[in-house]
Amino acid sequence: TAPQEVPAALGQWLQEPLPSCLTA
């Protein structure tokens, strides 16, 4: 896997993901 620490500039979400801990 790639490093998970990424610059904040890469955190541009067109639509926020649904809050969940149950589904892939």
PDBML (XML) file of the C-alpha atoms, coordinates in Angstrom:
<?xml version="1.0" encoding="UTF-8" ?>
<PDBx:datablock datablockName="MODEL"
   xmlns:PDBx="http://pdbml.pdb.org/schema/pdbx-v50.xsd"
   xmlns:xsi="http://www.w3.org/2001/XMLSchema-instance"
   xsi:schemaLocation="http://pdbml.pdb.org/schema/pdbx-v50.xsd pdbx-v50.xsd">
   <PDBx:atom_siteCategory>
      <PDBx:atom_site id="1">
         <PDBx:B_iso_or_equiv>0.00</PDBx:B_iso_or_equiv>
         <PDBx:Cartn_x>0.000</PDBx:Cartn_x>
         <PDBx:Cartn_y>0.000</PDBx:Cartn_y>
         <PDBx:Cartn_z>0.000</PDBx:Cartn_z>
         <PDBx:auth_asym_id>A</PDBx:auth_asym_id>
         <PDBx:auth_atom_id>CA</PDBx:auth_atom_id>
         <PDBx:auth_comp_id>THR</PDBx:auth_comp_id>
         <PDBx:auth_seq_id>1</PDBx:auth_seq_id>
         <PDBx:group_PDB>ATOM</PDBx:group_PDB>
         <PDBx:label_alt_id xsi:nil="true" />
         <PDBx:label_asym_id>A</PDBx:label_asym_id>
         <PDBx:label_atom_id>CA</PDBx:label_atom_id>
         <PDBx:label_comp_id>THR</PDBx:label_comp_id>
         <PDBx:label_entity_id>1</PDBx:label_entity_id>
         <PDBx:label_seq_id>1</PDBx:label_seq_id>
         <PDBx:occupancy>1.00</PDBx:occupancy>
         <PDBx:pdbx_PDB_model_num>1</PDBx:pdbx_PDB_model_num>
         <PDBx:type_symbol>C</PDBx:type_symbol>
      </PDBx:atom_site>
      <PDBx:atom_site id="2">
         <PDBx:B_iso_or_equiv>0.00</PDBx:B_iso_or_equiv>
         <PDBx:Cartn_x>1.086</PDBx:Cartn_x>
         <PDBx:Cartn_y>3.584</PDBx:Cartn_y>
         <PDBx:Cartn_z>-0.535</PDBx:Cartn_z>
         <PDBx:auth_asym_id>A</PDBx:auth_asym_id>
         <PDBx:auth_atom_id>CA</PDBx:auth_atom_id>
         <PDBx:auth_comp_id>ALA</PDBx:auth_comp_id>
         <PDBx:auth_seq_id>2</PDBx:auth_seq_id>
         <PDBx:group_PDB>ATOM</PDBx:group_PDB>
         <PDBx:label_alt_id xsi:nil="true" />
         <PDBx:label_asym_id>A</PDBx:label_asym_id>
         <PDBx:label_atom_id>CA</PDBx:label_atom_id>
         <PDBx:label_comp_id>ALA</PDBx:label_comp_id>
         <PDBx:label_entity_id>1</PDBx:label_entity_id>
         <PDBx:label_seq_id>2</PDBx:label_seq_id>
         <PDBx:occupancy>1.00</PDBx:occupancy>
         <PDBx:pdbx_PDB_model_num>1</PDBx:pdbx_PDB_model_num>
         <PDBx:type_symbol>C</PDBx:type_symbol>
      </PDBx:atom_site>
      <PDBx:atom_site id="3">
         <PDBx:B_iso_or_equiv>0.00</PDBx:B_iso_or_equiv>
         <PDBx:Cartn_x>1.948</PDBx:Cartn_x>
         <PDBx:Cartn_y>5.781</PDBx:Cartn_y>
         <PDBx:Cartn_z>2.432</PDBx:Cartn_z>
         <PDBx:auth_asym_id>A</PDBx:auth_asym_id>
         <PDBx:auth_atom_id>CA</PDBx:auth_atom_id>
         <PDBx:auth_comp_id>PRO</PDBx:auth_comp_id>
         <PDBx:auth_seq_id>3</PDBx:auth_seq_id>
         <PDBx:group_PDB>ATOM</PDBx:group_PDB>
         <PDBx:label_alt_id xsi:nil="true" />
         <PDBx:label_asym_id>A</PDBx:label_asym_id>
         <PDBx:label_atom_id>CA</PDBx:label_atom_id>
         <PDBx:label_comp_id>PRO</PDBx:label_comp_id>
         <PDBx:label_entity_id>1</PDBx:label_entity_id>
         <PDBx:label_seq_id>3</PDBx:label_seq_id>
         <PDBx:occupancy>1.00</PDBx:occupancy>
         <PDBx:pdbx_PDB_model_num>1</PDBx:pdbx_PDB_model_num>
         <PDBx:type_symbol>C</PDBx:type_symbol>
      </PDBx:atom_site>
      <PDBx:atom_site id="4">
         <PDBx:B_iso_or_equiv>0.00</PDBx:B_iso_or_equiv>
         <PDBx:Cartn_x>-1.252</PDBx:Cartn_x>
         <PDBx:Cartn_y>6.936</PDBx:Cartn_y>
         <PDBx:Cartn_z>4.094</PDBx:Cartn_z>
         <PDBx:auth_asym_id>A</PDBx:auth_asym_id>
         <PDBx:auth_atom_id>CA</PDBx:auth_atom_id>
         <PDBx:auth_comp_id>GLN</PDBx:auth_comp_id>
         <PDBx:auth_seq_id>4</PDBx:auth_seq_id>
         <PDBx:group_PDB>ATOM</PDBx:group_PDB>
         <PDBx:label_alt_id xsi:nil="true" />
         <PDBx:label_asym_id>A</PDBx:label_asym_id>
         <PDBx:label_atom_id>CA</PDBx:label_atom_id>
         <PDBx:label_comp_id>GLN</PDBx:label_comp_id>
         <PDBx:label_entity_id>1</PDBx:label_entity_id>
         <PDBx:label_seq_id>4</PDBx:label_seq_id>
         <PDBx:occupancy>1.00</PDBx:occupancy>
         <PDBx:pdbx_PDB_model_num>1</PDBx:pdbx_PDB_model_num>
         <PDBx:type_symbol>C</PDBx:type_symbol>
      </PDBx:atom_site>
      <PDBx:atom_site id="5">
         <PDBx:B_iso_or_equiv>0.00</PDBx:B_iso_or_equiv>
         <PDBx:Cartn_x>0.163</PDBx:Cartn_x>
         <PDBx:Cartn_y>10.247</PDBx:Cartn_y>
         <PDBx:Cartn_z>5.273</PDBx:Cartn_z>
         <PDBx:auth_asym_id>A</PDBx:auth_asym_id>
         <PDBx:auth_atom_id>CA</PDBx:auth_atom_id>
         <PDBx:auth_comp_id>GLU</PDBx:auth_comp_id>
         <PDBx:auth_seq_id>5</PDBx:auth_seq_id>
         <PDBx:group_PDB>ATOM</PDBx:group_PDB>
         <PDBx:label_alt_id xsi:nil="true" />
         <PDBx:label_asym_id>A</PDBx:label_asym_id>
         <PDBx:label_atom_id>CA</PDBx:label_atom_id>
         <PDBx:label_comp_id>GLU</PDBx:label_comp_id>
         <PDBx:label_entity_id>1</PDBx:label_entity_id>
         <PDBx:label_seq_id>5</PDBx:label_seq_id>
         <PDBx:occupancy>1.00</PDBx:occupancy>
         <PDBx:pdbx_PDB_model_num>1</PDBx:pdbx_PDB_model_num>
         <PDBx:type_symbol>C</PDBx:type_symbol>
      </PDBx:atom_site>
      <PDBx:atom_site id="6">
         <PDBx:B_iso_or_equiv>0.00</PDBx:B_iso_or_equiv>
         <PDBx:Cartn_x>-0.809</PDBx:Cartn_x>
         <PDBx:Cartn_y>12.600</PDBx:Cartn_y>
         <PDBx:Cartn_z>2.464</PDBx:Cartn_z>
         <PDBx:auth_asym_id>A</PDBx:auth_asym_id>
         <PDBx:auth_atom_id>CA</PDBx:auth_atom_id>
         <PDBx:auth_comp_id>VAL</PDBx:auth_comp_id>
         <PDBx:auth_seq_id>6</PDBx:auth_seq_id>
         <PDBx:group_PDB>ATOM</PDBx:group_PDB>
         <PDBx:label_alt_id xsi:nil="true" />
         <PDBx:label_asym_id>A</PDBx:label_asym_id>
         <PDBx:label_atom_id>CA</PDBx:label_atom_id>
         <PDBx:label_comp_id>VAL</PDBx:label_comp_id>
         <PDBx:label_entity_id>1</PDBx:label_entity_id>
         <PDBx:label_seq_id>6</PDBx:label_seq_id>
         <PDBx:occupancy>1.00</PDBx:occupancy>
         <PDBx:pdbx_PDB_model_num>1</PDBx:pdbx_PDB_model_num>
         <PDBx:type_symbol>C</PDBx:type_symbol>
      </PDBx:atom_site>
      <PDBx:atom_site id="7">
         <PDBx:B_iso_or_equiv>0.00</PDBx:B_iso_or_equiv>
         <PDBx:Cartn_x>-0.804</PDBx:Cartn_x>
         <PDBx:Cartn_y>16.407</PDBx:Cartn_y>
         <PDBx:Cartn_z>2.148</PDBx:Cartn_z>
         <PDBx:auth_asym_id>A</PDBx:auth_asym_id>
         <PDBx:auth_atom_id>CA</PDBx:auth_atom_id>
         <PDBx:auth_comp_id>PRO</PDBx:auth_comp_id>
         <PDBx:auth_seq_id>7</PDBx:auth_seq_id>
         <PDBx:group_PDB>ATOM</PDBx:group_PDB>
         <PDBx:label_alt_id xsi:nil="true" />
         <PDBx:label_asym_id>A</PDBx:label_asym_id>
         <PDBx:label_atom_id>CA</PDBx:label_atom_id>
         <PDBx:label_comp_id>PRO</PDBx:label_comp_id>
         <PDBx:label_entity_id>1</PDBx:label_entity_id>
         <PDBx:label_seq_id>7</PDBx:label_seq_id>
         <PDBx:occupancy>1.00</PDBx:occupancy>
         <PDBx:pdbx_PDB_model_num>1</PDBx:pdbx_PDB_model_num>
         <PDBx:type_symbol>C</PDBx:type_symbol>
      </PDBx:atom_site>
      <PDBx:atom_site id="8">
         <PDBx:B_iso_or_equiv>0.00</PDBx:B_iso_or_equiv>
         <PDBx:Cartn_x>-4.018</PDBx:Cartn_x>
         <PDBx:Cartn_y>18.140</PDBx:Cartn_y>
         <PDBx:Cartn_z>3.175</PDBx:Cartn_z>
         <PDBx:auth_asym_id>A</PDBx:auth_asym_id>
         <PDBx:auth_atom_id>CA</PDBx:auth_atom_id>
         <PDBx:auth_comp_id>ALA</PDBx:auth_comp_id>
         <PDBx:auth_seq_id>8</PDBx:auth_seq_id>
         <PDBx:group_PDB>ATOM</PDBx:group_PDB>
         <PDBx:label_alt_id xsi:nil="true" />
         <PDBx:label_asym_id>A</PDBx:label_asym_id>
         <PDBx:label_atom_id>CA</PDBx:label_atom_id>
         <PDBx:label_comp_id>ALA</PDBx:label_comp_id>
         <PDBx:label_entity_id>1</PDBx:label_entity_id>
         <PDBx:label_seq_id>8</PDBx:label_seq_id>
         <PDBx:occupancy>1.00</PDBx:occupancy>
         <PDBx:pdbx_PDB_model_num>1</PDBx:pdbx_PDB_model_num>
         <PDBx:type_symbol>C</PDBx:type_symbol>
      </PDBx:atom_site>
      <PDBx:atom_site id="9">
         <PDBx:B_iso_or_equiv>0.00</PDBx:B_iso_or_equiv>
         <PDBx:Cartn_x>-4.316</PDBx:Cartn_x>
         <PDBx:Cartn_y>19.437</PDBx:Cartn_y>
         <PDBx:Cartn_z>-0.435</PDBx:Cartn_z>
         <PDBx:auth_asym_id>A</PDBx:auth_asym_id>
         <PDBx:auth_atom_id>CA</PDBx:auth_atom_id>
         <PDBx:auth_comp_id>ALA</PDBx:auth_comp_id>
         <PDBx:auth_seq_id>9</PDBx:auth_seq_id>
         <PDBx:group_PDB>ATOM</PDBx:group_PDB>
         <PDBx:label_alt_id xsi:nil="true" />
         <PDBx:label_asym_id>A</PDBx:label_asym_id>
         <PDBx:label_atom_id>CA</PDBx:label_atom_id>
         <PDBx:label_comp_id>ALA</PDBx:label_comp_id>
         <PDBx:label_entity_id>1</PDBx:label_entity_id>
         <PDBx:label_seq_id>9</PDBx:label_seq_id>
         <PDBx:occupancy>1.00</PDBx:occupancy>
         <PDBx:pdbx_PDB_model_num>1</PDBx:pdbx_PDB_model_num>
         <PDBx:type_symbol>C</PDBx:type_symbol>
      </PDBx:atom_site>
      <PDBx:atom_site id="10">
         <PDBx:B_iso_or_equiv>0.00</PDBx:B_iso_or_equiv>
         <PDBx:Cartn_x>-5.185</PDBx:Cartn_x>
         <PDBx:Cartn_y>15.893</PDBx:Cartn_y>
         <PDBx:Cartn_z>-1.486</PDBx:Cartn_z>
         <PDBx:auth_asym_id>A</PDBx:auth_asym_id>
         <PDBx:auth_atom_id>CA</PDBx:auth_atom_id>
         <PDBx:auth_comp_id>LEU</PDBx:auth_comp_id>
         <PDBx:auth_seq_id>10</PDBx:auth_seq_id>
         <PDBx:group_PDB>ATOM</PDBx:group_PDB>
         <PDBx:label_alt_id xsi:nil="true" />
         <PDBx:label_asym_id>A</PDBx:label_asym_id>
         <PDBx:label_atom_id>CA</PDBx:label_atom_id>
         <PDBx:label_comp_id>LEU</PDBx:label_comp_id>
         <PDBx:label_entity_id>1</PDBx:label_entity_id>
         <PDBx:label_seq_id>10</PDBx:label_seq_id>
         <PDBx:occupancy>1.00</PDBx:occupancy>
         <PDBx:pdbx_PDB_model_num>1</PDBx:pdbx_PDB_model_num>
         <PDBx:type_symbol>C</PDBx:type_symbol>
      </PDBx:atom_site>
      <PDBx:atom_site id="11">
         <PDBx:B_iso_or_equiv>0.00</PDBx:B_iso_or_equiv>
         <PDBx:Cartn_x>-8.222</PDBx:Cartn_x>
         <PDBx:Cartn_y>15.875</PDBx:Cartn_y>
         <PDBx:Cartn_z>0.777</PDBx:Cartn_z>
         <PDBx:auth_asym_id>A</PDBx:auth_asym_id>
         <PDBx:auth_atom_id>CA</PDBx:auth_atom_id>
         <PDBx:auth_comp_id>GLY</PDBx:auth_comp_id>
         <PDBx:auth_seq_id>11</PDBx:auth_seq_id>
         <PDBx:group_PDB>ATOM</PDBx:group_PDB>
         <PDBx:label_alt_id xsi:nil="true" />
         <PDBx:label_asym_id>A</PDBx:label_asym_id>
         <PDBx:label_atom_id>CA</PDBx:label_atom_id>
         <PDBx:label_comp_id>GLY</PDBx:label_comp_id>
         <PDBx:label_entity_id>1</PDBx:label_entity_id>
         <PDBx:label_seq_id>11</PDBx:label_seq_id>
         <PDBx:occupancy>1.00</PDBx:occupancy>
         <PDBx:pdbx_PDB_model_num>1</PDBx:pdbx_PDB_model_num>
         <PDBx:type_symbol>C</PDBx:type_symbol>
      </PDBx:atom_site>
      <PDBx:atom_site id="12">
         <PDBx:B_iso_or_equiv>0.00</PDBx:B_iso_or_equiv>
         <PDBx:Cartn_x>-10.540</PDBx:Cartn_x>
         <PDBx:Cartn_y>17.474</PDBx:Cartn_y>
         <PDBx:Cartn_z>-1.771</PDBx:Cartn_z>
         <PDBx:auth_asym_id>A</PDBx:auth_asym_id>
         <PDBx:auth_atom_id>CA</PDBx:auth_atom_id>
         <PDBx:auth_comp_id>GLN</PDBx:auth_comp_id>
         <PDBx:auth_seq_id>12</PDBx:auth_seq_id>
         <PDBx:group_PDB>ATOM</PDBx:group_PDB>
         <PDBx:label_alt_id xsi:nil="true" />
         <PDBx:label_asym_id>A</PDBx:label_asym_id>
         <PDBx:label_atom_id>CA</PDBx:label_atom_id>
         <PDBx:label_comp_id>GLN</PDBx:label_comp_id>
         <PDBx:label_entity_id>1</PDBx:label_entity_id>
         <PDBx:label_seq_id>12</PDBx:label_seq_id>
         <PDBx:occupancy>1.00</PDBx:occupancy>
         <PDBx:pdbx_PDB_model_num>1</PDBx:pdbx_PDB_model_num>
         <PDBx:type_symbol>C</PDBx:type_symbol>
      </PDBx:atom_site>
      <PDBx:atom_site id="13">
         <PDBx:B_iso_or_equiv>0.00</PDBx:B_iso_or_equiv>
         <PDBx:Cartn_x>-13.806</PDBx:Cartn_x>
         <PDBx:Cartn_y>15.541</PDBx:Cartn_y>
         <PDBx:Cartn_z>-1.714</PDBx:Cartn_z>
         <PDBx:auth_asym_id>A</PDBx:auth_asym_id>
         <PDBx:auth_atom_id>CA</PDBx:auth_atom_id>
         <PDBx:auth_comp_id>TRP</PDBx:auth_comp_id>
         <PDBx:auth_seq_id>13</PDBx:auth_seq_id>
         <PDBx:group_PDB>ATOM</PDBx:group_PDB>
         <PDBx:label_alt_id xsi:nil="true" />
         <PDBx:label_asym_id>A</PDBx:label_asym_id>
         <PDBx:label_atom_id>CA</PDBx:label_atom_id>
         <PDBx:label_comp_id>TRP</PDBx:label_comp_id>
         <PDBx:label_entity_id>1</PDBx:label_entity_id>
         <PDBx:label_seq_id>13</PDBx:label_seq_id>
         <PDBx:occupancy>1.00</PDBx:occupancy>
         <PDBx:pdbx_PDB_model_num>1</PDBx:pdbx_PDB_model_num>
         <PDBx:type_symbol>C</PDBx:type_symbol>
      </PDBx:atom_site>
      <PDBx:atom_site id="14">
         <PDBx:B_iso_or_equiv>0.00</PDBx:B_iso_or_equiv>
         <PDBx:Cartn_x>-16.490</PDBx:Cartn_x>
         <PDBx:Cartn_y>16.472</PDBx:Cartn_y>
         <PDBx:Cartn_z>-4.220</PDBx:Cartn_z>
         <PDBx:auth_asym_id>A</PDBx:auth_asym_id>
         <PDBx:auth_atom_id>CA</PDBx:auth_atom_id>
         <PDBx:auth_comp_id>LEU</PDBx:auth_comp_id>
         <PDBx:auth_seq_id>14</PDBx:auth_seq_id>
         <PDBx:group_PDB>ATOM</PDBx:group_PDB>
         <PDBx:label_alt_id xsi:nil="true" />
         <PDBx:label_asym_id>A</PDBx:label_asym_id>
         <PDBx:label_atom_id>CA</PDBx:label_atom_id>
         <PDBx:label_comp_id>LEU</PDBx:label_comp_id>
         <PDBx:label_entity_id>1</PDBx:label_entity_id>
         <PDBx:label_seq_id>14</PDBx:label_seq_id>
         <PDBx:occupancy>1.00</PDBx:occupancy>
         <PDBx:pdbx_PDB_model_num>1</PDBx:pdbx_PDB_model_num>
         <PDBx:type_symbol>C</PDBx:type_symbol>
      </PDBx:atom_site>
      <PDBx:atom_site id="15">
         <PDBx:B_iso_or_equiv>0.00</PDBx:B_iso_or_equiv>
         <PDBx:Cartn_x>-18.958</PDBx:Cartn_x>
         <PDBx:Cartn_y>14.823</PDBx:Cartn_y>
         <PDBx:Cartn_z>-1.903</PDBx:Cartn_z>
         <PDBx:auth_asym_id>A</PDBx:auth_asym_id>
         <PDBx:auth_atom_id>CA</PDBx:auth_atom_id>
         <PDBx:auth_comp_id>GLN</PDBx:auth_comp_id>
         <PDBx:auth_seq_id>15</PDBx:auth_seq_id>
         <PDBx:group_PDB>ATOM</PDBx:group_PDB>
         <PDBx:label_alt_id xsi:nil="true" />
         <PDBx:label_asym_id>A</PDBx:label_asym_id>
         <PDBx:label_atom_id>CA</PDBx:label_atom_id>
         <PDBx:label_comp_id>GLN</PDBx:label_comp_id>
         <PDBx:label_entity_id>1</PDBx:label_entity_id>
         <PDBx:label_seq_id>15</PDBx:label_seq_id>
         <PDBx:occupancy>1.00</PDBx:occupancy>
         <PDBx:pdbx_PDB_model_num>1</PDBx:pdbx_PDB_model_num>
         <PDBx:type_symbol>C</PDBx:type_symbol>
      </PDBx:atom_site>
      <PDBx:atom_site id="16">
         <PDBx:B_iso_or_equiv>0.00</PDBx:B_iso_or_equiv>
         <PDBx:Cartn_x>-18.128</PDBx:Cartn_x>
         <PDBx:Cartn_y>13.702</PDBx:Cartn_y>
         <PDBx:Cartn_z>1.634</PDBx:Cartn_z>
         <PDBx:auth_asym_id>A</PDBx:auth_asym_id>
         <PDBx:auth_atom_id>CA</PDBx:auth_atom_id>
         <PDBx:auth_comp_id>GLU</PDBx:auth_comp_id>
         <PDBx:auth_seq_id>16</PDBx:auth_seq_id>
         <PDBx:group_PDB>ATOM</PDBx:group_PDB>
         <PDBx:label_alt_id xsi:nil="true" />
         <PDBx:label_asym_id>A</PDBx:label_asym_id>
         <PDBx:label_atom_id>CA</PDBx:label_atom_id>
         <PDBx:label_comp_id>GLU</PDBx:label_comp_id>
         <PDBx:label_entity_id>1</PDBx:label_entity_id>
         <PDBx:label_seq_id>16</PDBx:label_seq_id>
         <PDBx:occupancy>1.00</PDBx:occupancy>
         <PDBx:pdbx_PDB_model_num>1</PDBx:pdbx_PDB_model_num>
         <PDBx:type_symbol>C</PDBx:type_symbol>
      </PDBx:atom_site>
      <PDBx:atom_site id="17">
         <PDBx:B_iso_or_equiv>0.00</PDBx:B_iso_or_equiv>
         <PDBx:Cartn_x>-18.190</PDBx:Cartn_x>
         <PDBx:Cartn_y>9.910</PDBx:Cartn_y>
         <PDBx:Cartn_z>2.081</PDBx:Cartn_z>
         <PDBx:auth_asym_id>A</PDBx:auth_asym_id>
         <PDBx:auth_atom_id>CA</PDBx:auth_atom_id>
         <PDBx:auth_comp_id>PRO</PDBx:auth_comp_id>
         <PDBx:auth_seq_id>17</PDBx:auth_seq_id>
         <PDBx:group_PDB>ATOM</PDBx:group_PDB>
         <PDBx:label_alt_id xsi:nil="true" />
         <PDBx:label_asym_id>A</PDBx:label_asym_id>
         <PDBx:label_atom_id>CA</PDBx:label_atom_id>
         <PDBx:label_comp_id>PRO</PDBx:label_comp_id>
         <PDBx:label_entity_id>1</PDBx:label_entity_id>
         <PDBx:label_seq_id>17</PDBx:label_seq_id>
         <PDBx:occupancy>1.00</PDBx:occupancy>
         <PDBx:pdbx_PDB_model_num>1</PDBx:pdbx_PDB_model_num>
         <PDBx:type_symbol>C</PDBx:type_symbol>
      </PDBx:atom_site>
      <PDBx:atom_site id="18">
         <PDBx:B_iso_or_equiv>0.00</PDBx:B_iso_or_equiv>
         <PDBx:Cartn_x>-20.976</PDBx:Cartn_x>
         <PDBx:Cartn_y>8.426</PDBx:Cartn_y>
         <PDBx:Cartn_z>4.150</PDBx:Cartn_z>
         <PDBx:auth_asym_id>A</PDBx:auth_asym_id>
         <PDBx:auth_atom_id>CA</PDBx:auth_atom_id>
         <PDBx:auth_comp_id>LEU</PDBx:auth_comp_id>
         <PDBx:auth_seq_id>18</PDBx:auth_seq_id>
         <PDBx:group_PDB>ATOM</PDBx:group_PDB>
         <PDBx:label_alt_id xsi:nil="true" />
         <PDBx:label_asym_id>A</PDBx:label_asym_id>
         <PDBx:label_atom_id>CA</PDBx:label_atom_id>
         <PDBx:label_comp_id>LEU</PDBx:label_comp_id>
         <PDBx:label_entity_id>1</PDBx:label_entity_id>
         <PDBx:label_seq_id>18</PDBx:label_seq_id>
         <PDBx:occupancy>1.00</PDBx:occupancy>
         <PDBx:pdbx_PDB_model_num>1</PDBx:pdbx_PDB_model_num>
         <PDBx:type_symbol>C</PDBx:type_symbol>
      </PDBx:atom_site>
      <PDBx:atom_site id="19">
         <PDBx:B_iso_or_equiv>0.00</PDBx:B_iso_or_equiv>
         <PDBx:Cartn_x>-20.042</PDBx:Cartn_x>
         <PDBx:Cartn_y>7.809</PDBx:Cartn_y>
         <PDBx:Cartn_z>7.785</PDBx:Cartn_z>
         <PDBx:auth_asym_id>A</PDBx:auth_asym_id>
         <PDBx:auth_atom_id>CA</PDBx:auth_atom_id>
         <PDBx:auth_comp_id>PRO</PDBx:auth_comp_id>
         <PDBx:auth_seq_id>19</PDBx:auth_seq_id>
         <PDBx:group_PDB>ATOM</PDBx:group_PDB>
         <PDBx:label_alt_id xsi:nil="true" />
         <PDBx:label_asym_id>A</PDBx:label_asym_id>
         <PDBx:label_atom_id>CA</PDBx:label_atom_id>
         <PDBx:label_comp_id>PRO</PDBx:label_comp_id>
         <PDBx:label_entity_id>1</PDBx:label_entity_id>
         <PDBx:label_seq_id>19</PDBx:label_seq_id>
         <PDBx:occupancy>1.00</PDBx:occupancy>
         <PDBx:pdbx_PDB_model_num>1</PDBx:pdbx_PDB_model_num>
         <PDBx:type_symbol>C</PDBx:type_symbol>
      </PDBx:atom_site>
      <PDBx:atom_site id="20">
         <PDBx:B_iso_or_equiv>0.00</PDBx:B_iso_or_equiv>
         <PDBx:Cartn_x>-19.630</PDBx:Cartn_x>
         <PDBx:Cartn_y>4.072</PDBx:Cartn_y>
         <PDBx:Cartn_z>8.245</PDBx:Cartn_z>
         <PDBx:auth_asym_id>A</PDBx:auth_asym_id>
         <PDBx:auth_atom_id>CA</PDBx:auth_atom_id>
         <PDBx:auth_comp_id>SER</PDBx:auth_comp_id>
         <PDBx:auth_seq_id>20</PDBx:auth_seq_id>
         <PDBx:group_PDB>ATOM</PDBx:group_PDB>
         <PDBx:label_alt_id xsi:nil="true" />
         <PDBx:label_asym_id>A</PDBx:label_asym_id>
         <PDBx:label_atom_id>CA</PDBx:label_atom_id>
         <PDBx:label_comp_id>SER</PDBx:label_comp_id>
         <PDBx:label_entity_id>1</PDBx:label_entity_id>
         <PDBx:label_seq_id>20</PDBx:label_seq_id>
         <PDBx:occupancy>1.00</PDBx:occupancy>
         <PDBx:pdbx_PDB_model_num>1</PDBx:pdbx_PDB_model_num>
         <PDBx:type_symbol>C</PDBx:type_symbol>
      </PDBx:atom_site>
      <PDBx:atom_site id="21">
         <PDBx:B_iso_or_equiv>0.00</PDBx:B_iso_or_equiv>
         <PDBx:Cartn_x>-17.531</PDBx:Cartn_x>
         <PDBx:Cartn_y>1.365</PDBx:Cartn_y>
         <PDBx:Cartn_z>9.885</PDBx:Cartn_z>
         <PDBx:auth_asym_id>A</PDBx:auth_asym_id>
         <PDBx:auth_atom_id>CA</PDBx:auth_atom_id>
         <PDBx:auth_comp_id>CYS</PDBx:auth_comp_id>
         <PDBx:auth_seq_id>21</PDBx:auth_seq_id>
         <PDBx:group_PDB>ATOM</PDBx:group_PDB>
         <PDBx:label_alt_id xsi:nil="true" />
         <PDBx:label_asym_id>A</PDBx:label_asym_id>
         <PDBx:label_atom_id>CA</PDBx:label_atom_id>
         <PDBx:label_comp_id>CYS</PDBx:label_comp_id>
         <PDBx:label_entity_id>1</PDBx:label_entity_id>
         <PDBx:label_seq_id>21</PDBx:label_seq_id>
         <PDBx:occupancy>1.00</PDBx:occupancy>
         <PDBx:pdbx_PDB_model_num>1</PDBx:pdbx_PDB_model_num>
         <PDBx:type_symbol>C</PDBx:type_symbol>
      </PDBx:atom_site>
      <PDBx:atom_site id="22">
         <PDBx:B_iso_or_equiv>0.00</PDBx:B_iso_or_equiv>
         <PDBx:Cartn_x>-19.438</PDBx:Cartn_x>
         <PDBx:Cartn_y>-1.588</PDBx:Cartn_y>
         <PDBx:Cartn_z>8.471</PDBx:Cartn_z>
         <PDBx:auth_asym_id>A</PDBx:auth_asym_id>
         <PDBx:auth_atom_id>CA</PDBx:auth_atom_id>
         <PDBx:auth_comp_id>LEU</PDBx:auth_comp_id>
         <PDBx:auth_seq_id>22</PDBx:auth_seq_id>
         <PDBx:group_PDB>ATOM</PDBx:group_PDB>
         <PDBx:label_alt_id xsi:nil="true" />
         <PDBx:label_asym_id>A</PDBx:label_asym_id>
         <PDBx:label_atom_id>CA</PDBx:label_atom_id>
         <PDBx:label_comp_id>LEU</PDBx:label_comp_id>
         <PDBx:label_entity_id>1</PDBx:label_entity_id>
         <PDBx:label_seq_id>22</PDBx:label_seq_id>
         <PDBx:occupancy>1.00</PDBx:occupancy>
         <PDBx:pdbx_PDB_model_num>1</PDBx:pdbx_PDB_model_num>
         <PDBx:type_symbol>C</PDBx:type_symbol>
      </PDBx:atom_site>
      <PDBx:atom_site id="23">
         <PDBx:B_iso_or_equiv>0.00</PDBx:B_iso_or_equiv>
         <PDBx:Cartn_x>-19.093</PDBx:Cartn_x>
         <PDBx:Cartn_y>-1.746</PDBx:Cartn_y>
         <PDBx:Cartn_z>4.692</PDBx:Cartn_z>
         <PDBx:auth_asym_id>A</PDBx:auth_asym_id>
         <PDBx:auth_atom_id>CA</PDBx:auth_atom_id>
         <PDBx:auth_comp_id>THR</PDBx:auth_comp_id>
         <PDBx:auth_seq_id>23</PDBx:auth_seq_id>
         <PDBx:group_PDB>ATOM</PDBx:group_PDB>
         <PDBx:label_alt_id xsi:nil="true" />
         <PDBx:label_asym_id>A</PDBx:label_asym_id>
         <PDBx:label_atom_id>CA</PDBx:label_atom_id>
         <PDBx:label_comp_id>THR</PDBx:label_comp_id>
         <PDBx:label_entity_id>1</PDBx:label_entity_id>
         <PDBx:label_seq_id>23</PDBx:label_seq_id>
         <PDBx:occupancy>1.00</PDBx:occupancy>
         <PDBx:pdbx_PDB_model_num>1</PDBx:pdbx_PDB_model_num>
         <PDBx:type_symbol>C</PDBx:type_symbol>
      </PDBx:atom_site>
      <PDBx:atom_site id="24">
         <PDBx:B_iso_or_equiv>0.00</PDBx:B_iso_or_equiv>
         <PDBx:Cartn_x>-16.216</PDBx:Cartn_x>
         <PDBx:Cartn_y>-1.689</PDBx:Cartn_y>
         <PDBx:Cartn_z>2.233</PDBx:Cartn_z>
         <PDBx:auth_asym_id>A</PDBx:auth_asym_id>
         <PDBx:auth_atom_id>CA</PDBx:auth_atom_id>
         <PDBx:auth_comp_id>ALA</PDBx:auth_comp_id>
         <PDBx:auth_seq_id>24</PDBx:auth_seq_id>
         <PDBx:group_PDB>ATOM</PDBx:group_PDB>
         <PDBx:label_alt_id xsi:nil="true" />
         <PDBx:label_asym_id>A</PDBx:label_asym_id>
         <PDBx:label_atom_id>CA</PDBx:label_atom_id>
         <PDBx:label_comp_id>ALA</PDBx:label_comp_id>
         <PDBx:label_entity_id>1</PDBx:label_entity_id>
         <PDBx:label_seq_id>24</PDBx:label_seq_id>
         <PDBx:occupancy>1.00</PDBx:occupancy>
         <PDBx:pdbx_PDB_model_num>1</PDBx:pdbx_PDB_model_num>
         <PDBx:type_symbol>C</PDBx:type_symbol>
      </PDBx:atom_site>
   </PDBx:atom_siteCategory>
</PDBx:datablock>
